[in-house]
Amino acid sequence: MSVEVYPDVHDKEAGNLYCINSGFAKPQLEVDKIAISNGLAWSRDQRLMYFVDSTPGSVDVFDYNVQSGCISNRQTAVPWDPEKLGSPDGMTIDSLGRLWIASYGGSAVHCCDPTSQDKSPVVSIHLPEVDCITSCCFGGEKLDELYVTSASKDDPLRNAGRLFRITNLDATGNLGVAYSP
């Protein structure tokens, strides 16, 4: 979350990340001073939660407690250089635990393995005539298609604001985890 003070100027520390447990008790503050909260993804075993804060360009990982829904031990999951890659935005995780991260201002989706020694992108998909890639998720009957969204605001290119479907990736997504109160 980011609070817009006046057009295109944001308070870079106005956002917070909360835990809402299954009993819907009062939300518990987990992380403060967030600029633009974005992508969330969980490891297959649900022990790790990945999180994007777009403005500083961070892709972080937390230990995740599936019983309480609370997080701890924040660390950098993937070093991200906004000057080279654009800002990290929405993301998803594949069945191998790799993060697929939309690059706002970078015209691409980058796949990174947060468990590898070299966390640089192992796959980069550059999209034609669009700059502001906003998010991605796996879909299709076999979860082997990557759907990618883009913004039209601040992007004069022809394909801005469109939805893309990418096939033949040699990657599959995971079924989502249902939330039950």
N, C-alpha and C. Protein backbone atom coordinates (compact mmCIF):
# COMPACT_ATOMS: atom_id res chain seq x y z
N MET A 1 0.84 -1.17 0.00
CA MET A 1 0.00 0.00 0.00
C MET A 1 0.88 1.23 0.00
N SER A 2 0.46 2.23 -0.68
CA SER A 2 1.17 3.50 -0.70
C SER A 2 0.14 4.61 -0.69
N VAL A 3 0.37 5.62 0.09
CA VAL A 3 -0.55 6.74 0.16
C VAL A 3 -0.09 7.81 -0.81
N GLU A 4 -0.97 8.19 -1.74
CA GLU A 4 -0.62 9.20 -2.71
C GLU A 4 -0.85 10.57 -2.08
N VAL A 5 0.22 11.31 -1.92
CA VAL A 5 0.15 12.63 -1.30
C VAL A 5 -0.42 13.63 -2.30
N TYR A 6 0.06 13.63 -3.49
CA TYR A 6 -0.50 14.35 -4.63
C TYR A 6 -0.06 13.57 -5.85
N PRO A 7 -0.60 13.83 -7.00
CA PRO A 7 -0.35 12.93 -8.14
C PRO A 7 1.11 12.51 -8.30
N ASP A 8 1.28 11.17 -8.37
CA ASP A 8 2.55 10.52 -8.63
C ASP A 8 3.62 10.71 -7.56
N VAL A 9 3.24 11.11 -6.37
CA VAL A 9 4.18 11.19 -5.26
C VAL A 9 3.59 10.37 -4.12
N HIS A 10 4.36 9.41 -3.65
CA HIS A 10 3.86 8.48 -2.65
C HIS A 10 4.68 8.57 -1.37
N ASP A 11 3.99 8.40 -0.24
CA ASP A 11 4.67 8.29 1.04
C ASP A 11 5.25 6.88 1.08
N LYS A 12 6.55 6.78 0.97
CA LYS A 12 7.20 5.49 0.79
C LYS A 12 7.22 4.60 2.02
N GLU A 13 6.69 5.06 3.13
CA GLU A 13 6.67 4.22 4.33
C GLU A 13 5.29 4.20 4.98
N ALA A 14 4.24 4.36 4.19
CA ALA A 14 2.89 4.45 4.75
C ALA A 14 2.19 3.10 4.86
N GLY A 15 2.70 2.07 4.20
CA GLY A 15 2.01 0.79 4.16
C GLY A 15 2.40 -0.14 5.29
N ASN A 16 1.53 -1.10 5.54
CA ASN A 16 1.74 -2.12 6.56
C ASN A 16 1.32 -3.48 6.02
N LEU A 17 1.87 -4.53 6.60
CA LEU A 17 1.49 -5.90 6.28
C LEU A 17 0.96 -6.53 7.55
N TYR A 18 -0.26 -7.06 7.48
CA TYR A 18 -0.94 -7.61 8.65
C TYR A 18 -1.16 -9.11 8.51
N CYS A 19 -1.30 -9.77 9.63
CA CYS A 19 -1.74 -11.15 9.71
C CYS A 19 -3.19 -11.14 10.16
N ILE A 20 -4.05 -11.82 9.39
CA ILE A 20 -5.44 -12.00 9.80
C ILE A 20 -5.61 -13.50 10.03
N ASN A 21 -5.76 -13.89 11.28
CA ASN A 21 -5.82 -15.33 11.56
C ASN A 21 -7.21 -15.88 11.27
N SER A 22 -7.35 -17.17 11.40
CA SER A 22 -8.60 -17.84 11.02
C SER A 22 -9.77 -17.45 11.91
N GLY A 23 -9.52 -16.92 13.09
CA GLY A 23 -10.60 -16.50 13.96
C GLY A 23 -11.07 -15.09 13.70
N PHE A 24 -10.48 -14.42 12.71
CA PHE A 24 -10.79 -13.03 12.37
C PHE A 24 -10.65 -12.11 13.57
N ALA A 25 -9.69 -12.43 14.45
CA ALA A 25 -9.40 -11.54 15.57
C ALA A 25 -8.80 -10.25 15.00
N LYS A 26 -8.48 -9.34 15.86
CA LYS A 26 -7.90 -8.08 15.42
C LYS A 26 -6.65 -8.37 14.57
N PRO A 27 -6.55 -7.75 13.39
CA PRO A 27 -5.36 -7.97 12.56
C PRO A 27 -4.09 -7.62 13.32
N GLN A 28 -3.07 -8.45 13.14
CA GLN A 28 -1.80 -8.26 13.84
C GLN A 28 -0.78 -7.66 12.88
N LEU A 29 -0.21 -6.54 13.25
CA LEU A 29 0.81 -5.89 12.43
C LEU A 29 2.05 -6.77 12.39
N GLU A 30 2.50 -7.11 11.17
CA GLU A 30 3.69 -7.94 11.00
C GLU A 30 4.87 -7.11 10.51
N VAL A 31 4.64 -6.23 9.52
CA VAL A 31 5.71 -5.41 8.94
C VAL A 31 5.15 -4.02 8.69
N ASP A 32 5.90 -3.00 9.10
CA ASP A 32 5.49 -1.63 8.81
C ASP A 32 6.47 -0.99 7.83
N LYS A 33 6.20 0.23 7.48
CA LYS A 33 7.06 1.01 6.58
C LYS A 33 7.21 0.35 5.20
N ILE A 34 6.10 -0.08 4.66
CA ILE A 34 6.07 -0.66 3.32
C ILE A 34 5.64 0.42 2.35
N ALA A 35 6.23 0.44 1.18
CA ALA A 35 5.87 1.45 0.17
C ALA A 35 4.70 0.95 -0.68
N ILE A 36 4.95 0.04 -1.60
CA ILE A 36 3.88 -0.49 -2.45
C ILE A 36 3.91 -2.02 -2.34
N SER A 37 3.04 -2.53 -1.49
CA SER A 37 2.93 -3.96 -1.27
C SER A 37 2.40 -4.63 -2.53
N ASN A 38 3.05 -5.71 -2.96
CA ASN A 38 2.64 -6.34 -4.19
C ASN A 38 2.66 -7.86 -4.08
N GLY A 39 3.40 -8.54 -4.94
CA GLY A 39 3.33 -9.98 -5.06
C GLY A 39 3.45 -10.76 -3.76
N LEU A 40 2.62 -11.78 -3.63
CA LEU A 40 2.69 -12.73 -2.53
C LEU A 40 2.71 -14.13 -3.13
N ALA A 41 3.50 -15.01 -2.56
CA ALA A 41 3.52 -16.41 -2.99
C ALA A 41 4.00 -17.26 -1.82
N TRP A 42 3.53 -18.50 -1.76
CA TRP A 42 3.93 -19.42 -0.70
C TRP A 42 4.61 -20.63 -1.29
N SER A 43 5.61 -21.14 -0.56
CA SER A 43 6.27 -22.37 -0.97
C SER A 43 5.26 -23.52 -0.92
N ARG A 44 5.57 -24.56 -1.64
CA ARG A 44 4.65 -25.71 -1.73
C ARG A 44 4.35 -26.29 -0.35
N ASP A 45 5.35 -26.32 0.54
CA ASP A 45 5.13 -26.86 1.88
C ASP A 45 4.55 -25.81 2.84
N GLN A 46 4.32 -24.63 2.36
CA GLN A 46 3.73 -23.51 3.10
C GLN A 46 4.57 -23.07 4.30
N ARG A 47 5.85 -23.29 4.25
CA ARG A 47 6.73 -22.84 5.33
C ARG A 47 7.36 -21.49 5.04
N LEU A 48 7.29 -21.05 3.76
CA LEU A 48 7.88 -19.78 3.36
C LEU A 48 6.84 -18.92 2.66
N MET A 49 6.88 -17.61 2.92
CA MET A 49 6.03 -16.66 2.22
C MET A 49 6.93 -15.65 1.53
N TYR A 50 6.74 -15.48 0.23
CA TYR A 50 7.51 -14.51 -0.55
C TYR A 50 6.68 -13.24 -0.70
N PHE A 51 7.37 -12.10 -0.73
CA PHE A 51 6.68 -10.82 -0.70
C PHE A 51 7.46 -9.78 -1.50
N VAL A 52 6.74 -8.99 -2.30
CA VAL A 52 7.34 -7.91 -3.08
C VAL A 52 6.92 -6.57 -2.51
N ASP A 53 7.89 -5.69 -2.29
CA ASP A 53 7.64 -4.27 -2.02
C ASP A 53 8.23 -3.54 -3.22
N SER A 54 7.36 -3.02 -4.09
CA SER A 54 7.79 -2.54 -5.40
C SER A 54 8.72 -1.34 -5.39
N THR A 55 8.42 -0.33 -4.57
CA THR A 55 9.19 0.90 -4.66
C THR A 55 10.66 0.74 -4.32
N PRO A 56 11.01 0.07 -3.22
CA PRO A 56 12.45 -0.14 -3.01
C PRO A 56 13.01 -1.25 -3.89
N GLY A 57 12.12 -2.00 -4.54
CA GLY A 57 12.58 -3.07 -5.41
C GLY A 57 13.03 -4.29 -4.65
N SER A 58 12.25 -4.70 -3.64
CA SER A 58 12.68 -5.85 -2.84
C SER A 58 11.78 -7.06 -3.08
N VAL A 59 12.42 -8.22 -3.16
CA VAL A 59 11.74 -9.51 -3.23
C VAL A 59 12.25 -10.28 -2.01
N ASP A 60 11.40 -10.39 -1.00
CA ASP A 60 11.82 -10.94 0.29
C ASP A 60 11.12 -12.26 0.58
N VAL A 61 11.64 -12.96 1.58
CA VAL A 61 11.06 -14.21 2.04
C VAL A 61 10.94 -14.16 3.56
N PHE A 62 9.88 -14.73 4.06
CA PHE A 62 9.64 -14.84 5.50
C PHE A 62 9.42 -16.30 5.84
N ASP A 63 9.76 -16.68 7.06
CA ASP A 63 9.28 -17.95 7.58
C ASP A 63 7.79 -17.75 7.82
N TYR A 64 6.99 -18.76 7.49
CA TYR A 64 5.54 -18.65 7.59
C TYR A 64 5.00 -19.74 8.49
N ASN A 65 4.17 -19.36 9.44
CA ASN A 65 3.54 -20.31 10.35
C ASN A 65 2.13 -20.57 9.84
N VAL A 66 1.91 -21.72 9.26
CA VAL A 66 0.62 -22.02 8.65
C VAL A 66 -0.50 -22.08 9.68
N GLN A 67 -0.19 -22.40 10.94
CA GLN A 67 -1.23 -22.48 11.97
C GLN A 67 -1.74 -21.09 12.37
N SER A 68 -0.81 -20.16 12.55
CA SER A 68 -1.20 -18.81 13.00
C SER A 68 -1.34 -17.83 11.85
N GLY A 69 -0.70 -18.12 10.71
CA GLY A 69 -0.71 -17.19 9.59
C GLY A 69 0.31 -16.07 9.76
N CYS A 70 1.14 -16.16 10.78
CA CYS A 70 2.10 -15.09 11.06
C CYS A 70 3.45 -15.38 10.40
N ILE A 71 4.21 -14.32 10.23
CA ILE A 71 5.50 -14.39 9.54
C ILE A 71 6.62 -13.92 10.45
N SER A 72 7.85 -14.33 10.12
CA SER A 72 9.02 -13.91 10.89
C SER A 72 10.26 -14.06 10.01
N ASN A 73 11.39 -13.58 10.51
CA ASN A 73 12.69 -13.80 9.89
C ASN A 73 12.77 -13.31 8.44
N ARG A 74 12.50 -12.03 8.23
CA ARG A 74 12.53 -11.46 6.88
C ARG A 74 13.95 -11.45 6.33
N GLN A 75 14.09 -11.94 5.09
CA GLN A 75 15.37 -11.95 4.39
C GLN A 75 15.16 -11.64 2.91
N THR A 76 16.21 -11.26 2.24
CA THR A 76 16.13 -11.07 0.79
C THR A 76 16.06 -12.44 0.13
N ALA A 77 15.03 -12.64 -0.70
CA ALA A 77 14.88 -13.90 -1.42
C ALA A 77 15.62 -13.85 -2.75
N VAL A 78 15.44 -12.73 -3.45
CA VAL A 78 16.06 -12.54 -4.76
C VAL A 78 16.59 -11.12 -4.82
N PRO A 79 17.89 -10.93 -4.94
CA PRO A 79 18.41 -9.57 -5.14
C PRO A 79 17.84 -9.01 -6.44
N TRP A 80 17.34 -7.79 -6.40
CA TRP A 80 16.66 -7.21 -7.55
C TRP A 80 17.25 -5.84 -7.83
N ASP A 81 17.62 -5.59 -9.06
CA ASP A 81 18.17 -4.30 -9.45
C ASP A 81 17.15 -3.56 -10.30
N PRO A 82 16.38 -2.62 -9.71
CA PRO A 82 15.36 -1.91 -10.48
C PRO A 82 15.92 -1.12 -11.67
N GLU A 83 17.18 -0.72 -11.59
CA GLU A 83 17.78 0.01 -12.72
C GLU A 83 17.91 -0.88 -13.95
N LYS A 84 18.16 -2.16 -13.74
CA LYS A 84 18.32 -3.10 -14.85
C LYS A 84 17.02 -3.82 -15.21
N LEU A 85 16.22 -4.14 -14.20
CA LEU A 85 15.07 -5.01 -14.41
C LEU A 85 13.72 -4.31 -14.36
N GLY A 86 13.66 -3.05 -13.93
CA GLY A 86 12.37 -2.42 -13.64
C GLY A 86 11.97 -2.77 -12.21
N SER A 87 10.81 -2.33 -11.79
CA SER A 87 10.35 -2.61 -10.42
C SER A 87 9.67 -3.97 -10.35
N PRO A 88 9.97 -4.77 -9.31
CA PRO A 88 9.25 -6.02 -9.15
C PRO A 88 7.79 -5.70 -8.81
N ASP A 89 6.88 -6.46 -9.35
CA ASP A 89 5.46 -6.19 -9.14
C ASP A 89 4.79 -7.49 -8.69
N GLY A 90 3.74 -7.92 -9.35
CA GLY A 90 3.09 -9.16 -8.96
C GLY A 90 3.98 -10.35 -9.26
N MET A 91 3.68 -11.48 -8.61
CA MET A 91 4.47 -12.69 -8.86
C MET A 91 3.65 -13.93 -8.57
N THR A 92 4.18 -15.04 -9.05
CA THR A 92 3.60 -16.34 -8.77
C THR A 92 4.76 -17.31 -8.54
N ILE A 93 4.43 -18.52 -8.12
CA ILE A 93 5.45 -19.53 -7.87
C ILE A 93 5.09 -20.78 -8.65
N ASP A 94 6.10 -21.46 -9.20
CA ASP A 94 5.81 -22.67 -9.97
C ASP A 94 6.01 -23.92 -9.13
N SER A 95 5.77 -25.07 -9.73
CA SER A 95 5.83 -26.34 -8.99
C SER A 95 7.25 -26.70 -8.55
N LEU A 96 8.26 -26.04 -9.11
CA LEU A 96 9.65 -26.26 -8.69
C LEU A 96 10.11 -25.26 -7.64
N GLY A 97 9.23 -24.36 -7.23
CA GLY A 97 9.58 -23.36 -6.23
C GLY A 97 10.23 -22.12 -6.79
N ARG A 98 10.22 -21.96 -8.11
CA ARG A 98 10.80 -20.77 -8.73
C ARG A 98 9.77 -19.64 -8.75
N LEU A 99 10.25 -18.43 -8.54
CA LEU A 99 9.38 -17.25 -8.55
C LEU A 99 9.35 -16.65 -9.95
N TRP A 100 8.17 -16.34 -10.43
CA TRP A 100 7.95 -15.65 -11.70
C TRP A 100 7.51 -14.25 -11.34
N ILE A 101 8.34 -13.26 -11.63
CA ILE A 101 8.15 -11.90 -11.13
C ILE A 101 7.92 -10.94 -12.29
N ALA A 102 6.78 -10.23 -12.24
CA ALA A 102 6.47 -9.22 -13.24
C ALA A 102 7.38 -8.02 -13.04
N SER A 103 7.83 -7.45 -14.13
CA SER A 103 8.77 -6.33 -14.09
C SER A 103 8.11 -5.06 -14.63
N TYR A 104 7.61 -4.23 -13.71
CA TYR A 104 6.95 -2.98 -14.08
C TYR A 104 8.02 -2.00 -14.55
N GLY A 105 7.89 -1.57 -15.78
CA GLY A 105 8.90 -0.69 -16.36
C GLY A 105 10.04 -1.45 -17.00
N GLY A 106 9.94 -2.77 -16.98
CA GLY A 106 11.01 -3.60 -17.52
C GLY A 106 10.59 -4.48 -18.68
N SER A 107 9.32 -4.43 -19.06
CA SER A 107 8.82 -5.14 -20.24
C SER A 107 8.99 -6.65 -20.18
N ALA A 108 9.02 -7.23 -18.98
CA ALA A 108 9.33 -8.66 -18.91
C ALA A 108 8.76 -9.32 -17.66
N VAL A 109 8.78 -10.64 -17.70
CA VAL A 109 8.58 -11.49 -16.52
C VAL A 109 9.88 -12.25 -16.35
N HIS A 110 10.40 -12.25 -15.12
CA HIS A 110 11.66 -12.95 -14.84
C HIS A 110 11.40 -14.11 -13.88
N CYS A 111 11.96 -15.25 -14.21
CA CYS A 111 11.86 -16.43 -13.36
C CYS A 111 13.18 -16.59 -12.60
N CYS A 112 13.07 -16.62 -11.27
CA CYS A 112 14.27 -16.74 -10.42
C CYS A 112 14.08 -17.90 -9.45
N ASP A 113 15.15 -18.60 -9.17
CA ASP A 113 15.10 -19.69 -8.19
C ASP A 113 15.67 -19.17 -6.87
N PRO A 114 14.81 -18.90 -5.88
CA PRO A 114 15.30 -18.32 -4.63
C PRO A 114 16.14 -19.28 -3.80
N THR A 115 16.15 -20.57 -4.17
CA THR A 115 16.95 -21.54 -3.40
C THR A 115 18.32 -21.78 -4.01
N SER A 116 18.57 -21.23 -5.20
CA SER A 116 19.85 -21.46 -5.85
C SER A 116 20.92 -20.49 -5.34
N GLN A 117 22.15 -20.83 -5.58
CA GLN A 117 23.26 -19.96 -5.22
C GLN A 117 23.21 -18.67 -6.02
N ASP A 118 23.00 -18.80 -7.31
CA ASP A 118 22.89 -17.66 -8.22
C ASP A 118 21.40 -17.36 -8.41
N LYS A 119 20.92 -16.33 -7.77
CA LYS A 119 19.50 -16.03 -7.78
C LYS A 119 19.07 -15.15 -8.96
N SER A 120 19.99 -14.94 -9.91
CA SER A 120 19.65 -14.13 -11.08
C SER A 120 18.62 -14.89 -11.93
N PRO A 121 17.89 -14.17 -12.79
CA PRO A 121 16.85 -14.84 -13.58
C PRO A 121 17.39 -16.02 -14.39
N VAL A 122 16.66 -17.15 -14.30
CA VAL A 122 17.00 -18.32 -15.10
C VAL A 122 16.23 -18.31 -16.41
N VAL A 123 15.12 -17.60 -16.43
CA VAL A 123 14.31 -17.40 -17.63
C VAL A 123 13.82 -15.96 -17.59
N SER A 124 13.88 -15.27 -18.72
CA SER A 124 13.30 -13.94 -18.85
C SER A 124 12.44 -13.94 -20.11
N ILE A 125 11.21 -13.52 -19.94
CA ILE A 125 10.28 -13.44 -21.07
C ILE A 125 10.02 -11.96 -21.34
N HIS A 126 10.51 -11.48 -22.46
CA HIS A 126 10.31 -10.08 -22.83
C HIS A 126 9.06 -9.98 -23.69
N LEU A 127 8.18 -9.06 -23.32
CA LEU A 127 6.91 -8.92 -24.02
C LEU A 127 6.97 -7.76 -25.00
N PRO A 128 6.35 -7.94 -26.15
CA PRO A 128 6.45 -6.94 -27.23
C PRO A 128 5.59 -5.71 -26.99
N GLU A 129 6.16 -4.55 -27.23
CA GLU A 129 5.46 -3.27 -27.22
C GLU A 129 4.62 -3.04 -25.98
N VAL A 130 5.20 -3.33 -24.83
CA VAL A 130 4.57 -3.05 -23.54
C VAL A 130 5.68 -2.85 -22.52
N ASP A 131 5.52 -1.88 -21.65
CA ASP A 131 6.56 -1.57 -20.68
C ASP A 131 6.18 -2.00 -19.25
N CYS A 132 4.92 -1.78 -18.88
CA CYS A 132 4.50 -1.93 -17.49
C CYS A 132 3.81 -3.27 -17.25
N ILE A 133 4.59 -4.29 -16.97
CA ILE A 133 4.07 -5.62 -16.66
C ILE A 133 3.68 -5.63 -15.18
N THR A 134 2.45 -6.04 -14.89
CA THR A 134 1.95 -5.90 -13.52
C THR A 134 1.86 -7.19 -12.71
N SER A 135 1.51 -8.30 -13.35
CA SER A 135 1.40 -9.53 -12.57
C SER A 135 1.40 -10.74 -13.51
N CYS A 136 1.43 -11.92 -12.89
CA CYS A 136 1.40 -13.16 -13.66
C CYS A 136 0.86 -14.28 -12.78
N CYS A 137 0.27 -15.27 -13.42
CA CYS A 137 -0.20 -16.45 -12.70
C CYS A 137 -0.30 -17.61 -13.70
N PHE A 138 -0.21 -18.81 -13.18
CA PHE A 138 -0.35 -20.00 -14.01
C PHE A 138 -1.82 -20.38 -14.12
N GLY A 139 -2.19 -20.84 -15.30
CA GLY A 139 -3.55 -21.27 -15.54
C GLY A 139 -3.57 -22.33 -16.62
N GLY A 140 -4.76 -22.57 -17.15
CA GLY A 140 -4.93 -23.62 -18.15
C GLY A 140 -5.23 -24.94 -17.47
N GLU A 141 -5.68 -25.88 -18.26
CA GLU A 141 -6.08 -27.18 -17.74
C GLU A 141 -4.98 -27.88 -16.96
N LYS A 142 -3.73 -27.74 -17.40
CA LYS A 142 -2.60 -28.40 -16.75
C LYS A 142 -1.74 -27.41 -15.96
N LEU A 143 -2.22 -26.20 -15.76
CA LEU A 143 -1.47 -25.13 -15.08
C LEU A 143 -0.12 -24.89 -15.74
N ASP A 144 -0.09 -25.04 -17.06
CA ASP A 144 1.17 -24.88 -17.80
C ASP A 144 1.17 -23.66 -18.72
N GLU A 145 0.23 -22.76 -18.50
CA GLU A 145 0.17 -21.52 -19.26
C GLU A 145 0.39 -20.37 -18.29
N LEU A 146 1.20 -19.41 -18.67
CA LEU A 146 1.45 -18.25 -17.81
C LEU A 146 0.63 -17.08 -18.36
N TYR A 147 -0.24 -16.55 -17.53
CA TYR A 147 -1.04 -15.38 -17.89
C TYR A 147 -0.36 -14.16 -17.30
N VAL A 148 -0.19 -13.14 -18.11
CA VAL A 148 0.56 -11.95 -17.72
C VAL A 148 -0.30 -10.72 -17.98
N THR A 149 -0.41 -9.86 -16.97
CA THR A 149 -1.17 -8.61 -17.11
C THR A 149 -0.23 -7.43 -17.26
N SER A 150 -0.77 -6.37 -17.86
CA SER A 150 0.02 -5.15 -18.05
C SER A 150 -0.86 -3.94 -17.76
N ALA A 151 -0.23 -2.83 -17.44
CA ALA A 151 -0.95 -1.59 -17.16
C ALA A 151 -0.95 -0.70 -18.39
N SER A 152 -1.98 0.11 -18.50
CA SER A 152 -2.00 1.07 -19.60
C SER A 152 -1.61 2.46 -19.12
N LYS A 153 -1.76 2.72 -17.82
CA LYS A 153 -1.38 4.03 -17.29
C LYS A 153 0.13 4.21 -17.42
N ASP A 154 0.55 5.33 -17.87
CA ASP A 154 1.97 5.67 -18.02
C ASP A 154 2.69 4.81 -19.06
N ASP A 155 1.95 4.09 -19.90
CA ASP A 155 2.58 3.23 -20.90
C ASP A 155 1.91 3.49 -22.25
N PRO A 156 2.54 4.27 -23.12
CA PRO A 156 1.93 4.61 -24.40
C PRO A 156 2.08 3.53 -25.46
N LEU A 157 2.74 2.44 -25.14
CA LEU A 157 3.01 1.42 -26.15
C LEU A 157 1.73 0.66 -26.56
N ARG A 158 1.75 0.10 -27.74
CA ARG A 158 0.57 -0.50 -28.37
C ARG A 158 -0.08 -1.61 -27.53
N ASN A 159 0.69 -2.44 -26.86
CA ASN A 159 0.12 -3.57 -26.13
C ASN A 159 -0.14 -3.28 -24.65
N ALA A 160 0.00 -2.04 -24.24
CA ALA A 160 -0.24 -1.68 -22.84
C ALA A 160 -1.69 -1.97 -22.46
N GLY A 161 -1.88 -2.49 -21.25
CA GLY A 161 -3.22 -2.77 -20.75
C GLY A 161 -3.78 -4.10 -21.22
N ARG A 162 -2.98 -4.92 -21.84
CA ARG A 162 -3.47 -6.20 -22.37
C ARG A 162 -3.09 -7.37 -21.48
N LEU A 163 -3.77 -8.47 -21.74
CA LEU A 163 -3.49 -9.74 -21.08
C LEU A 163 -2.76 -10.63 -22.09
N PHE A 164 -1.69 -11.27 -21.64
CA PHE A 164 -0.89 -12.16 -22.49
C PHE A 164 -1.00 -13.58 -21.96
N ARG A 165 -0.99 -14.55 -22.86
CA ARG A 165 -0.93 -15.97 -22.49
C ARG A 165 0.34 -16.53 -23.09
N ILE A 166 1.19 -17.10 -22.24
CA ILE A 166 2.47 -17.63 -22.68
C ILE A 166 2.45 -19.15 -22.49
N THR A 167 2.79 -19.86 -23.56
CA THR A 167 2.74 -21.32 -23.54
C THR A 167 4.14 -21.88 -23.82
N ASN A 168 4.25 -23.20 -23.71
CA ASN A 168 5.50 -23.93 -23.99
C ASN A 168 6.65 -23.45 -23.10
N LEU A 169 6.37 -23.28 -21.83
CA LEU A 169 7.38 -22.78 -20.89
C LEU A 169 8.20 -23.87 -20.22
N ASP A 170 7.75 -25.10 -20.25
CA ASP A 170 8.38 -26.16 -19.48
C ASP A 170 8.33 -25.83 -17.99
N ALA A 171 7.19 -25.26 -17.57
CA ALA A 171 6.96 -24.92 -16.17
C ALA A 171 5.47 -25.06 -15.90
N THR A 172 5.13 -25.43 -14.68
CA THR A 172 3.73 -25.51 -14.27
C THR A 172 3.55 -24.83 -12.92
N GLY A 173 2.35 -24.37 -12.69
CA GLY A 173 2.02 -23.73 -11.43
C GLY A 173 1.49 -24.72 -10.42
N ASN A 174 1.08 -24.22 -9.29
CA ASN A 174 0.50 -25.02 -8.22
C ASN A 174 -0.96 -24.63 -8.06
N LEU A 175 -1.76 -25.56 -7.59
CA LEU A 175 -3.12 -25.19 -7.22
C LEU A 175 -3.05 -24.26 -6.02
N GLY A 176 -3.95 -23.33 -5.96
CA GLY A 176 -3.98 -22.41 -4.83
C GLY A 176 -4.41 -23.11 -3.55
N VAL A 177 -4.17 -22.48 -2.44
CA VAL A 177 -4.57 -23.00 -1.15
C VAL A 177 -5.83 -22.25 -0.73
N ALA A 178 -6.87 -23.01 -0.46
CA ALA A 178 -8.14 -22.39 -0.06
C ALA A 178 -8.03 -21.83 1.35
N TYR A 179 -8.59 -20.67 1.53
CA TYR A 179 -8.64 -20.06 2.87
C TYR A 179 -9.94 -20.51 3.53
N SER A 180 -9.82 -21.00 4.73
CA SER A 180 -11.05 -21.39 5.47
C SER A 180 -11.00 -20.71 6.83
N PRO A 181 -12.00 -19.88 7.08
CA PRO A 181 -12.04 -19.15 8.35
C PRO A 181 -12.29 -20.06 9.54
